[in-house]
mmCIF file of all heavy atoms, coordinates in Angstrom:
data_MODEL
# 
_entry.id   MODEL 
# 
loop_
_atom_site.group_PDB 
_atom_site.id 
_atom_site.type_symbol 
_atom_site.label_atom_id 
_atom_site.label_alt_id 
_atom_site.label_comp_id 
_atom_site.label_asym_id 
_atom_site.label_entity_id 
_atom_site.label_seq_id 
_atom_site.pdbx_PDB_ins_code 
_atom_site.Cartn_x 
_atom_site.Cartn_y 
_atom_site.Cartn_z 
_atom_site.occupancy 
_atom_site.B_iso_or_equiv 
_atom_site.pdbx_formal_charge 
_atom_site.auth_seq_id 
_atom_site.auth_comp_id 
_atom_site.auth_asym_id 
_atom_site.auth_atom_id 
_atom_site.pdbx_PDB_model_num 
ATOM 1   N N   . ALA A 1 1  ? 8.953   5.853   9.171   1.00 0.00 ? 1  ALA A N   1 
ATOM 2   C CA  . ALA A 1 1  ? 10.053  4.983   9.550   1.00 0.00 ? 1  ALA A CA  1 
ATOM 3   C C   . ALA A 1 1  ? 10.307  3.863   8.618   1.00 0.00 ? 1  ALA A C   1 
ATOM 4   O O   . ALA A 1 1  ? 11.351  3.200   8.642   1.00 0.00 ? 1  ALA A O   1 
ATOM 5   C CB  . ALA A 1 1  ? 9.859   4.455   11.000  1.00 0.00 ? 1  ALA A CB  1 
ATOM 6   N N   . LEU A 1 2  ? 9.301   3.561   7.742   1.00 0.00 ? 2  LEU A N   1 
ATOM 7   C CA  . LEU A 1 2  ? 9.418   2.422   6.848   1.00 0.00 ? 2  LEU A CA  1 
ATOM 8   C C   . LEU A 1 2  ? 9.570   2.909   5.410   1.00 0.00 ? 2  LEU A C   1 
ATOM 9   O O   . LEU A 1 2  ? 9.179   4.019   5.025   1.00 0.00 ? 2  LEU A O   1 
ATOM 10  C CB  . LEU A 1 2  ? 8.140   1.569   6.932   1.00 0.00 ? 2  LEU A CB  1 
ATOM 11  C CG  . LEU A 1 2  ? 7.863   0.902   8.295   1.00 0.00 ? 2  LEU A CG  1 
ATOM 12  C CD1 . LEU A 1 2  ? 6.518   0.170   8.205   1.00 0.00 ? 2  LEU A CD1 1 
ATOM 13  C CD2 . LEU A 1 2  ? 8.952   -0.065  8.649   1.00 0.00 ? 2  LEU A CD2 1 
ATOM 14  N N   . SER A 1 3  ? 10.114  1.993   4.578   1.00 0.00 ? 3  SER A N   1 
ATOM 15  C CA  . SER A 1 3  ? 10.106  2.297   3.137   1.00 0.00 ? 3  SER A CA  1 
ATOM 16  C C   . SER A 1 3  ? 8.673   2.199   2.590   1.00 0.00 ? 3  SER A C   1 
ATOM 17  O O   . SER A 1 3  ? 7.824   1.618   3.208   1.00 0.00 ? 3  SER A O   1 
ATOM 18  C CB  . SER A 1 3  ? 11.026  1.252   2.414   1.00 0.00 ? 3  SER A CB  1 
ATOM 19  O OG  . SER A 1 3  ? 10.428  -0.053  2.500   1.00 0.00 ? 3  SER A OG  1 
ATOM 20  N N   . ASN A 1 4  ? 8.497   2.835   1.452   1.00 0.00 ? 4  ASN A N   1 
ATOM 21  C CA  . ASN A 1 4  ? 7.134   2.825   0.914   1.00 0.00 ? 4  ASN A CA  1 
ATOM 22  C C   . ASN A 1 4  ? 6.596   1.406   0.692   1.00 0.00 ? 4  ASN A C   1 
ATOM 23  O O   . ASN A 1 4  ? 5.404   1.156   0.916   1.00 0.00 ? 4  ASN A O   1 
ATOM 24  C CB  . ASN A 1 4  ? 7.126   3.586   -0.426  1.00 0.00 ? 4  ASN A CB  1 
ATOM 25  C CG  . ASN A 1 4  ? 7.292   5.099   -0.251  1.00 0.00 ? 4  ASN A CG  1 
ATOM 26  O OD1 . ASN A 1 4  ? 6.891   5.634   0.779   1.00 0.00 ? 4  ASN A OD1 1 
ATOM 27  N ND2 . ASN A 1 4  ? 7.822   5.747   -1.255  1.00 0.00 ? 4  ASN A ND2 1 
ATOM 28  N N   . ASP A 1 5  ? 7.448   0.484   0.310   1.00 0.00 ? 5  ASP A N   1 
ATOM 29  C CA  . ASP A 1 5  ? 6.985   -0.885  0.021   1.00 0.00 ? 5  ASP A CA  1 
ATOM 30  C C   . ASP A 1 5  ? 6.588   -1.608  1.302   1.00 0.00 ? 5  ASP A C   1 
ATOM 31  O O   . ASP A 1 5  ? 5.862   -2.637  1.236   1.00 0.00 ? 5  ASP A O   1 
ATOM 32  C CB  . ASP A 1 5  ? 8.110   -1.669  -0.656  1.00 0.00 ? 5  ASP A CB  1 
ATOM 33  C CG  . ASP A 1 5  ? 8.305   -1.239  -2.102  1.00 0.00 ? 5  ASP A CG  1 
ATOM 34  O OD1 . ASP A 1 5  ? 7.373   -0.616  -2.667  1.00 0.00 ? 5  ASP A OD1 1 
ATOM 35  O OD2 . ASP A 1 5  ? 9.340   -1.553  -2.664  1.00 0.00 ? 5  ASP A OD2 1 
ATOM 36  N N   . ASP A 1 6  ? 7.068   -1.146  2.463   1.00 0.00 ? 6  ASP A N   1 
ATOM 37  C CA  . ASP A 1 6  ? 6.773   -1.819  3.702   1.00 0.00 ? 6  ASP A CA  1 
ATOM 38  C C   . ASP A 1 6  ? 5.613   -1.242  4.465   1.00 0.00 ? 6  ASP A C   1 
ATOM 39  O O   . ASP A 1 6  ? 5.209   -1.754  5.556   1.00 0.00 ? 6  ASP A O   1 
ATOM 40  C CB  . ASP A 1 6  ? 8.002   -1.862  4.632   1.00 0.00 ? 6  ASP A CB  1 
ATOM 41  C CG  . ASP A 1 6  ? 9.117   -2.723  4.068   1.00 0.00 ? 6  ASP A CG  1 
ATOM 42  O OD1 . ASP A 1 6  ? 8.792   -3.753  3.402   1.00 0.00 ? 6  ASP A OD1 1 
ATOM 43  O OD2 . ASP A 1 6  ? 10.305  -2.445  4.332   1.00 0.00 ? 6  ASP A OD2 1 
ATOM 44  N N   . LYS A 1 7  ? 5.034   -0.193  3.992   1.00 0.00 ? 7  LYS A N   1 
ATOM 45  C CA  . LYS A 1 7  ? 3.902   0.432   4.659   1.00 0.00 ? 7  LYS A CA  1 
ATOM 46  C C   . LYS A 1 7  ? 2.641   -0.345  4.392   1.00 0.00 ? 7  LYS A C   1 
ATOM 47  O O   . LYS A 1 7  ? 2.477   -0.954  3.304   1.00 0.00 ? 7  LYS A O   1 
ATOM 48  C CB  . LYS A 1 7  ? 3.744   1.878   4.206   1.00 0.00 ? 7  LYS A CB  1 
ATOM 49  C CG  . LYS A 1 7  ? 4.952   2.753   4.571   1.00 0.00 ? 7  LYS A CG  1 
ATOM 50  C CD  . LYS A 1 7  ? 4.828   4.160   4.015   1.00 0.00 ? 7  LYS A CD  1 
ATOM 51  C CE  . LYS A 1 7  ? 6.082   4.959   4.339   1.00 0.00 ? 7  LYS A CE  1 
ATOM 52  N NZ  . LYS A 1 7  ? 5.996   6.355   3.874   1.00 0.00 ? 7  LYS A NZ  1 
ATOM 53  N N   . TYR A 1 8  ? 1.666   -0.323  5.310   1.00 0.00 ? 8  TYR A N   1 
ATOM 54  C CA  . TYR A 1 8  ? 0.530   -1.207  5.118   1.00 0.00 ? 8  TYR A CA  1 
ATOM 55  C C   . TYR A 1 8  ? -0.322  -0.975  3.869   1.00 0.00 ? 8  TYR A C   1 
ATOM 56  O O   . TYR A 1 8  ? -0.797  -1.942  3.256   1.00 0.00 ? 8  TYR A O   1 
ATOM 57  C CB  . TYR A 1 8  ? -0.346  -1.249  6.427   1.00 0.00 ? 8  TYR A CB  1 
ATOM 58  C CG  . TYR A 1 8  ? -1.586  -0.408  6.385   1.00 0.00 ? 8  TYR A CG  1 
ATOM 59  C CD1 . TYR A 1 8  ? -2.741  -0.789  5.694   1.00 0.00 ? 8  TYR A CD1 1 
ATOM 60  C CD2 . TYR A 1 8  ? -1.677  0.763   7.174   1.00 0.00 ? 8  TYR A CD2 1 
ATOM 61  C CE1 . TYR A 1 8  ? -3.850  -0.046  5.695   1.00 0.00 ? 8  TYR A CE1 1 
ATOM 62  C CE2 . TYR A 1 8  ? -2.827  1.522   7.179   1.00 0.00 ? 8  TYR A CE2 1 
ATOM 63  C CZ  . TYR A 1 8  ? -3.929  1.105   6.424   1.00 0.00 ? 8  TYR A CZ  1 
ATOM 64  O OH  . TYR A 1 8  ? -5.058  1.903   6.430   1.00 0.00 ? 8  TYR A OH  1 
ATOM 65  N N   . PRO A 1 9  ? -0.459  0.290   3.442   1.00 0.00 ? 9  PRO A N   1 
ATOM 66  C CA  . PRO A 1 9  ? -1.194  0.427   2.166   1.00 0.00 ? 9  PRO A CA  1 
ATOM 67  C C   . PRO A 1 9  ? -0.540  -0.231  0.959   1.00 0.00 ? 9  PRO A C   1 
ATOM 68  O O   . PRO A 1 9  ? -1.201  -0.802  0.085   1.00 0.00 ? 9  PRO A O   1 
ATOM 69  C CB  . PRO A 1 9  ? -1.279  1.971   1.967   1.00 0.00 ? 9  PRO A CB  1 
ATOM 70  C CG  . PRO A 1 9  ? -1.160  2.539   3.363   1.00 0.00 ? 9  PRO A CG  1 
ATOM 71  C CD  . PRO A 1 9  ? -0.210  1.574   4.054   1.00 0.00 ? 9  PRO A CD  1 
ATOM 72  N N   . ALA A 1 10 ? 0.772   -0.197  0.931   1.00 0.00 ? 10 ALA A N   1 
ATOM 73  C CA  . ALA A 1 10 ? 1.530   -0.867  -0.138  1.00 0.00 ? 10 ALA A CA  1 
ATOM 74  C C   . ALA A 1 10 ? 1.397   -2.418  -0.037  1.00 0.00 ? 10 ALA A C   1 
ATOM 75  O O   . ALA A 1 10 ? 1.258   -3.083  -1.077  1.00 0.00 ? 10 ALA A O   1 
ATOM 76  C CB  . ALA A 1 10 ? 3.001   -0.499  -0.107  1.00 0.00 ? 10 ALA A CB  1 
ATOM 77  N N   . ILE A 1 11 ? 1.450   -2.880  1.137   1.00 0.00 ? 11 ILE A N   1 
ATOM 78  C CA  . ILE A 1 11 ? 1.230   -4.356  1.385   1.00 0.00 ? 11 ILE A CA  1 
ATOM 79  C C   . ILE A 1 11 ? -0.181  -4.751  0.954   1.00 0.00 ? 11 ILE A C   1 
ATOM 80  O O   . ILE A 1 11 ? -0.368  -5.801  0.286   1.00 0.00 ? 11 ILE A O   1 
ATOM 81  C CB  . ILE A 1 11 ? 1.457   -4.725  2.818   1.00 0.00 ? 11 ILE A CB  1 
ATOM 82  C CG1 . ILE A 1 11 ? 2.967   -4.477  3.189   1.00 0.00 ? 11 ILE A CG1 1 
ATOM 83  C CG2 . ILE A 1 11 ? 1.135   -6.187  3.073   1.00 0.00 ? 11 ILE A CG2 1 
ATOM 84  C CD1 . ILE A 1 11 ? 3.275   -4.620  4.686   1.00 0.00 ? 11 ILE A CD1 1 
ATOM 85  N N   . LEU A 1 12 ? -1.167  -3.907  1.291   1.00 0.00 ? 12 LEU A N   1 
ATOM 86  C CA  . LEU A 1 12 ? -2.526  -4.165  0.893   1.00 0.00 ? 12 LEU A CA  1 
ATOM 87  C C   . LEU A 1 12 ? -2.679  -4.190  -0.583  1.00 0.00 ? 12 LEU A C   1 
ATOM 88  O O   . LEU A 1 12 ? -3.389  -5.026  -1.164  1.00 0.00 ? 12 LEU A O   1 
ATOM 89  C CB  . LEU A 1 12 ? -3.472  -3.138  1.535   1.00 0.00 ? 12 LEU A CB  1 
ATOM 90  C CG  . LEU A 1 12 ? -4.974  -3.272  1.312   1.00 0.00 ? 12 LEU A CG  1 
ATOM 91  C CD1 . LEU A 1 12 ? -5.461  -4.605  1.875   1.00 0.00 ? 12 LEU A CD1 1 
ATOM 92  C CD2 . LEU A 1 12 ? -5.708  -2.123  1.934   1.00 0.00 ? 12 LEU A CD2 1 
ATOM 93  N N   . GLN A 1 13 ? -1.976  -3.259  -1.247  1.00 0.00 ? 13 GLN A N   1 
ATOM 94  C CA  . GLN A 1 13 ? -2.022  -3.229  -2.738  1.00 0.00 ? 13 GLN A CA  1 
ATOM 95  C C   . GLN A 1 13 ? -1.518  -4.520  -3.341  1.00 0.00 ? 13 GLN A C   1 
ATOM 96  O O   . GLN A 1 13 ? -2.135  -5.101  -4.246  1.00 0.00 ? 13 GLN A O   1 
ATOM 97  C CB  . GLN A 1 13 ? -1.153  -2.047  -3.217  1.00 0.00 ? 13 GLN A CB  1 
ATOM 98  C CG  . GLN A 1 13 ? -1.054  -1.971  -4.730  1.00 0.00 ? 13 GLN A CG  1 
ATOM 99  C CD  . GLN A 1 13 ? -2.334  -1.544  -5.433  1.00 0.00 ? 13 GLN A CD  1 
ATOM 100 O OE1 . GLN A 1 13 ? -2.705  -0.376  -5.367  1.00 0.00 ? 13 GLN A OE1 1 
ATOM 101 N NE2 . GLN A 1 13 ? -3.060  -2.510  -6.006  1.00 0.00 ? 13 GLN A NE2 1 
ATOM 102 N N   . ARG A 1 14 ? -0.450  -5.065  -2.795  1.00 0.00 ? 14 ARG A N   1 
ATOM 103 C CA  . ARG A 1 14 ? 0.135   -6.316  -3.334  1.00 0.00 ? 14 ARG A CA  1 
ATOM 104 C C   . ARG A 1 14 ? -0.767  -7.480  -3.071  1.00 0.00 ? 14 ARG A C   1 
ATOM 105 O O   . ARG A 1 14 ? -0.926  -8.352  -3.944  1.00 0.00 ? 14 ARG A O   1 
ATOM 106 C CB  . ARG A 1 14 ? 1.527   -6.575  -2.698  1.00 0.00 ? 14 ARG A CB  1 
ATOM 107 C CG  . ARG A 1 14 ? 2.595   -5.612  -3.109  1.00 0.00 ? 14 ARG A CG  1 
ATOM 108 C CD  . ARG A 1 14 ? 3.970   -6.096  -2.790  1.00 0.00 ? 14 ARG A CD  1 
ATOM 109 N NE  . ARG A 1 14 ? 4.209   -6.246  -1.356  1.00 0.00 ? 14 ARG A NE  1 
ATOM 110 C CZ  . ARG A 1 14 ? 4.659   -5.234  -0.566  1.00 0.00 ? 14 ARG A CZ  1 
ATOM 111 N NH1 . ARG A 1 14 ? 4.898   -4.043  -1.071  1.00 0.00 ? 14 ARG A NH1 1 
ATOM 112 N NH2 . ARG A 1 14 ? 4.893   -5.488  0.729   1.00 0.00 ? 14 ARG A NH2 1 
ATOM 113 N N   . LEU A 1 15 ? -1.469  -7.487  -1.959  1.00 0.00 ? 15 LEU A N   1 
ATOM 114 C CA  . LEU A 1 15 ? -2.388  -8.587  -1.642  1.00 0.00 ? 15 LEU A CA  1 
ATOM 115 C C   . LEU A 1 15 ? -3.602  -8.548  -2.509  1.00 0.00 ? 15 LEU A C   1 
ATOM 116 O O   . LEU A 1 15 ? -4.140  -9.622  -2.914  1.00 0.00 ? 15 LEU A O   1 
ATOM 117 C CB  . LEU A 1 15 ? -2.796  -8.474  -0.168  1.00 0.00 ? 15 LEU A CB  1 
ATOM 118 C CG  . LEU A 1 15 ? -1.688  -8.800  0.871   1.00 0.00 ? 15 LEU A CG  1 
ATOM 119 C CD1 . LEU A 1 15 ? -2.245  -8.523  2.292   1.00 0.00 ? 15 LEU A CD1 1 
ATOM 120 C CD2 . LEU A 1 15 ? -1.255  -10.277 0.824   1.00 0.00 ? 15 LEU A CD2 1 
ATOM 121 N N   . LEU A 1 16 ? -4.103  -7.379  -2.831  1.00 0.00 ? 16 LEU A N   1 
ATOM 122 C CA  . LEU A 1 16 ? -5.348  -7.256  -3.604  1.00 0.00 ? 16 LEU A CA  1 
ATOM 123 C C   . LEU A 1 16 ? -5.150  -7.373  -5.109  1.00 0.00 ? 16 LEU A C   1 
ATOM 124 O O   . LEU A 1 16 ? -6.035  -7.812  -5.830  1.00 0.00 ? 16 LEU A O   1 
ATOM 125 C CB  . LEU A 1 16 ? -6.050  -5.937  -3.262  1.00 0.00 ? 16 LEU A CB  1 
ATOM 126 C CG  . LEU A 1 16 ? -6.557  -5.792  -1.838  1.00 0.00 ? 16 LEU A CG  1 
ATOM 127 C CD1 . LEU A 1 16 ? -7.101  -4.415  -1.592  1.00 0.00 ? 16 LEU A CD1 1 
ATOM 128 C CD2 . LEU A 1 16 ? -7.623  -6.820  -1.559  1.00 0.00 ? 16 LEU A CD2 1 
ATOM 129 N N   . GLY A 1 17 ? -4.007  -6.952  -5.627  1.00 0.00 ? 17 GLY A N   1 
ATOM 130 C CA  . GLY A 1 17 ? -3.727  -7.059  -7.015  1.00 0.00 ? 17 GLY A CA  1 
ATOM 131 C C   . GLY A 1 17 ? -4.172  -5.848  -7.864  1.00 0.00 ? 17 GLY A C   1 
ATOM 132 O O   . GLY A 1 17 ? -4.614  -4.833  -7.341  1.00 0.00 ? 17 GLY A O   1 
ATOM 133 N N   . ASP A 1 18 ? -4.090  -6.021  -9.163  1.00 0.00 ? 18 ASP A N   1 
ATOM 134 C CA  . ASP A 1 18 ? -4.283  -4.929  -10.120 1.00 0.00 ? 18 ASP A CA  1 
ATOM 135 C C   . ASP A 1 18 ? -5.706  -4.426  -10.225 1.00 0.00 ? 18 ASP A C   1 
ATOM 136 O O   . ASP A 1 18 ? -5.939  -3.359  -10.829 1.00 0.00 ? 18 ASP A O   1 
ATOM 137 C CB  . ASP A 1 18 ? -3.801  -5.326  -11.513 1.00 0.00 ? 18 ASP A CB  1 
ATOM 138 C CG  . ASP A 1 18 ? -2.289  -5.572  -11.538 1.00 0.00 ? 18 ASP A CG  1 
ATOM 139 O OD1 . ASP A 1 18 ? -1.587  -5.052  -10.666 1.00 0.00 ? 18 ASP A OD1 1 
ATOM 140 O OD2 . ASP A 1 18 ? -1.797  -6.349  -12.422 1.00 0.00 ? 18 ASP A OD2 1 
ATOM 141 N N   . GLU A 1 19 ? -6.680  -5.172  -9.742  1.00 0.00 ? 19 GLU A N   1 
ATOM 142 C CA  . GLU A 1 19 ? -8.064  -4.734  -9.847  1.00 0.00 ? 19 GLU A CA  1 
ATOM 143 C C   . GLU A 1 19 ? -8.366  -3.587  -8.803  1.00 0.00 ? 19 GLU A C   1 
ATOM 144 O O   . GLU A 1 19 ? -9.445  -3.061  -8.803  1.00 0.00 ? 19 GLU A O   1 
ATOM 145 C CB  . GLU A 1 19 ? -9.038  -5.874  -9.680  1.00 0.00 ? 19 GLU A CB  1 
ATOM 146 C CG  . GLU A 1 19 ? -8.975  -6.885  -10.801 1.00 0.00 ? 19 GLU A CG  1 
ATOM 147 C CD  . GLU A 1 19 ? -9.988  -8.026  -10.675 1.00 0.00 ? 19 GLU A CD  1 
ATOM 148 O OE1 . GLU A 1 19 ? -10.789 -7.960  -9.693  1.00 0.00 ? 19 GLU A OE1 1 
ATOM 149 O OE2 . GLU A 1 19 ? -9.996  -8.910  -11.514 1.00 0.00 ? 19 GLU A OE2 1 
ATOM 150 N N   . TYR A 1 20 ? -7.408  -3.352  -7.938  1.00 0.00 ? 20 TYR A N   1 
ATOM 151 C CA  . TYR A 1 20 ? -7.595  -2.338  -6.903  1.00 0.00 ? 20 TYR A CA  1 
ATOM 152 C C   . TYR A 1 20 ? -6.398  -1.320  -7.004  1.00 0.00 ? 20 TYR A C   1 
ATOM 153 O O   . TYR A 1 20 ? -5.337  -1.631  -7.420  1.00 0.00 ? 20 TYR A O   1 
ATOM 154 C CB  . TYR A 1 20 ? -7.538  -2.933  -5.512  1.00 0.00 ? 20 TYR A CB  1 
ATOM 155 C CG  . TYR A 1 20 ? -8.751  -3.874  -5.264  1.00 0.00 ? 20 TYR A CG  1 
ATOM 156 C CD1 . TYR A 1 20 ? -8.708  -5.190  -5.667  1.00 0.00 ? 20 TYR A CD1 1 
ATOM 157 C CD2 . TYR A 1 20 ? -9.833  -3.463  -4.523  1.00 0.00 ? 20 TYR A CD2 1 
ATOM 158 C CE1 . TYR A 1 20 ? -9.788  -6.055  -5.457  1.00 0.00 ? 20 TYR A CE1 1 
ATOM 159 C CE2 . TYR A 1 20 ? -10.920 -4.273  -4.278  1.00 0.00 ? 20 TYR A CE2 1 
ATOM 160 C CZ  . TYR A 1 20 ? -10.896 -5.570  -4.759  1.00 0.00 ? 20 TYR A CZ  1 
ATOM 161 O OH  . TYR A 1 20 ? -11.961 -6.387  -4.522  1.00 0.00 ? 20 TYR A OH  1 
ATOM 162 N N   . GLU A 1 21 ? -6.707  -0.107  -6.631  1.00 0.00 ? 21 GLU A N   1 
ATOM 163 C CA  . GLU A 1 21 ? -5.709  0.925   -6.460  1.00 0.00 ? 21 GLU A CA  1 
ATOM 164 C C   . GLU A 1 21 ? -5.750  1.448   -5.061  1.00 0.00 ? 21 GLU A C   1 
ATOM 165 O O   . GLU A 1 21 ? -6.792  1.985   -4.646  1.00 0.00 ? 21 GLU A O   1 
ATOM 166 C CB  . GLU A 1 21 ? -5.884  2.066   -7.455  1.00 0.00 ? 21 GLU A CB  1 
ATOM 167 C CG  . GLU A 1 21 ? -4.798  3.131   -7.327  1.00 0.00 ? 21 GLU A CG  1 
ATOM 168 C CD  . GLU A 1 21 ? -4.929  4.298   -8.333  1.00 0.00 ? 21 GLU A CD  1 
ATOM 169 O OE1 . GLU A 1 21 ? -5.890  4.273   -9.076  1.00 0.00 ? 21 GLU A OE1 1 
ATOM 170 O OE2 . GLU A 1 21 ? -4.077  5.167   -8.285  1.00 0.00 ? 21 GLU A OE2 1 
ATOM 171 N N   . VAL A 1 22 ? -4.689  1.226   -4.300  1.00 0.00 ? 22 VAL A N   1 
ATOM 172 C CA  . VAL A 1 22 ? -4.625  1.642   -2.922  1.00 0.00 ? 22 VAL A CA  1 
ATOM 173 C C   . VAL A 1 22 ? -3.730  2.818   -2.764  1.00 0.00 ? 22 VAL A C   1 
ATOM 174 O O   . VAL A 1 22 ? -2.570  2.773   -3.245  1.00 0.00 ? 22 VAL A O   1 
ATOM 175 C CB  . VAL A 1 22 ? -4.121  0.475   -1.998  1.00 0.00 ? 22 VAL A CB  1 
ATOM 176 C CG1 . VAL A 1 22 ? -4.185  0.857   -0.551  1.00 0.00 ? 22 VAL A CG1 1 
ATOM 177 C CG2 . VAL A 1 22 ? -4.941  -0.807  -2.228  1.00 0.00 ? 22 VAL A CG2 1 
ATOM 178 N N   . ARG A 1 23 ? -4.165  3.846   -2.083  1.00 0.00 ? 23 ARG A N   1 
ATOM 179 C CA  . ARG A 1 23 ? -3.353  5.073   -1.915  1.00 0.00 ? 23 ARG A CA  1 
ATOM 180 C C   . ARG A 1 23 ? -3.191  5.350   -0.397  1.00 0.00 ? 23 ARG A C   1 
ATOM 181 O O   . ARG A 1 23 ? -4.157  5.168   0.354   1.00 0.00 ? 23 ARG A O   1 
ATOM 182 C CB  . ARG A 1 23 ? -3.967  6.298   -2.596  1.00 0.00 ? 23 ARG A CB  1 
ATOM 183 C CG  . ARG A 1 23 ? -3.887  6.161   -4.095  1.00 0.00 ? 23 ARG A CG  1 
ATOM 184 C CD  . ARG A 1 23 ? -4.285  7.472   -4.752  1.00 0.00 ? 23 ARG A CD  1 
ATOM 185 N NE  . ARG A 1 23 ? -4.272  7.384   -6.269  1.00 0.00 ? 23 ARG A NE  1 
ATOM 186 C CZ  . ARG A 1 23 ? -4.575  8.382   -7.024  1.00 0.00 ? 23 ARG A CZ  1 
ATOM 187 N NH1 . ARG A 1 23 ? -4.874  9.618   -6.498  1.00 0.00 ? 23 ARG A NH1 1 
ATOM 188 N NH2 . ARG A 1 23 ? -4.571  8.268   -8.343  1.00 0.00 ? 23 ARG A NH2 1 
ATOM 189 N N   . ASN A 1 24 ? -2.049  5.823   -0.039  1.00 0.00 ? 24 ASN A N   1 
ATOM 190 C CA  . ASN A 1 24 ? -1.720  6.156   1.314   1.00 0.00 ? 24 ASN A CA  1 
ATOM 191 C C   . ASN A 1 24 ? -1.998  7.672   1.560   1.00 0.00 ? 24 ASN A C   1 
ATOM 192 O O   . ASN A 1 24 ? -1.277  8.504   1.024   1.00 0.00 ? 24 ASN A O   1 
ATOM 193 C CB  . ASN A 1 24 ? -0.253  5.818   1.619   1.00 0.00 ? 24 ASN A CB  1 
ATOM 194 C CG  . ASN A 1 24 ? 0.081   5.946   3.093   1.00 0.00 ? 24 ASN A CG  1 
ATOM 195 O OD1 . ASN A 1 24 ? -0.537  6.695   3.830   1.00 0.00 ? 24 ASN A OD1 1 
ATOM 196 N ND2 . ASN A 1 24 ? 1.093   5.228   3.533   1.00 0.00 ? 24 ASN A ND2 1 
ATOM 197 N N   . TYR A 1 25 ? -2.995  7.952   2.415   1.00 0.00 ? 25 TYR A N   1 
ATOM 198 C CA  . TYR A 1 25 ? -3.297  9.313   2.739   1.00 0.00 ? 25 TYR A CA  1 
ATOM 199 C C   . TYR A 1 25 ? -3.037  9.574   4.234   1.00 0.00 ? 25 TYR A C   1 
ATOM 200 O O   . TYR A 1 25 ? -3.724  10.375  4.886   1.00 0.00 ? 25 TYR A O   1 
ATOM 201 C CB  . TYR A 1 25 ? -4.767  9.635   2.399   1.00 0.00 ? 25 TYR A CB  1 
ATOM 202 C CG  . TYR A 1 25 ? -5.043  9.786   0.911   1.00 0.00 ? 25 TYR A CG  1 
ATOM 203 C CD1 . TYR A 1 25 ? -5.525  8.748   0.157   1.00 0.00 ? 25 TYR A CD1 1 
ATOM 204 C CD2 . TYR A 1 25 ? -4.795  11.005  0.276   1.00 0.00 ? 25 TYR A CD2 1 
ATOM 205 C CE1 . TYR A 1 25 ? -5.768  8.877   -1.171  1.00 0.00 ? 25 TYR A CE1 1 
ATOM 206 C CE2 . TYR A 1 25 ? -5.033  11.148  -1.042  1.00 0.00 ? 25 TYR A CE2 1 
ATOM 207 C CZ  . TYR A 1 25 ? -5.543  10.098  -1.799  1.00 0.00 ? 25 TYR A CZ  1 
ATOM 208 O OH  . TYR A 1 25 ? -5.760  10.200  -3.143  1.00 0.00 ? 25 TYR A OH  1 
ATOM 209 N N   . GLY A 1 26 ? -2.024  8.907   4.762   1.00 0.00 ? 26 GLY A N   1 
ATOM 210 C CA  . GLY A 1 26 ? -1.644  9.105   6.153   1.00 0.00 ? 26 GLY A CA  1 
ATOM 211 C C   . GLY A 1 26 ? -0.865  10.369  6.424   1.00 0.00 ? 26 GLY A C   1 
ATOM 212 O O   . GLY A 1 26 ? -0.094  10.782  5.556   1.00 0.00 ? 26 GLY A O   1 
ATOM 213 N N   . LEU A 1 27 ? -1.106  10.963  7.595   1.00 0.00 ? 27 LEU A N   1 
ATOM 214 C CA  . LEU A 1 27 ? -0.300  12.146  8.039   1.00 0.00 ? 27 LEU A CA  1 
ATOM 215 C C   . LEU A 1 27 ? -0.038  12.013  9.523   1.00 0.00 ? 27 LEU A C   1 
ATOM 216 O O   . LEU A 1 27 ? -0.924  11.904  10.329  1.00 0.00 ? 27 LEU A O   1 
ATOM 217 C CB  . LEU A 1 27 ? -1.149  13.442  7.788   1.00 0.00 ? 27 LEU A CB  1 
ATOM 218 C CG  . LEU A 1 27 ? -1.078  14.051  6.389   1.00 0.00 ? 27 LEU A CG  1 
ATOM 219 C CD1 . LEU A 1 27 ? -2.015  15.243  6.337   1.00 0.00 ? 27 LEU A CD1 1 
ATOM 220 C CD2 . LEU A 1 27 ? 0.361   14.473  6.042   1.00 0.00 ? 27 LEU A CD2 1 
# 
């Protein structure tokens, strides 16, 4: 229901920065 930028993994990525890579494996 949300755009990719508004999903929690994407928000977590922005909060943590470039030293982390966050991927969404939700189904």
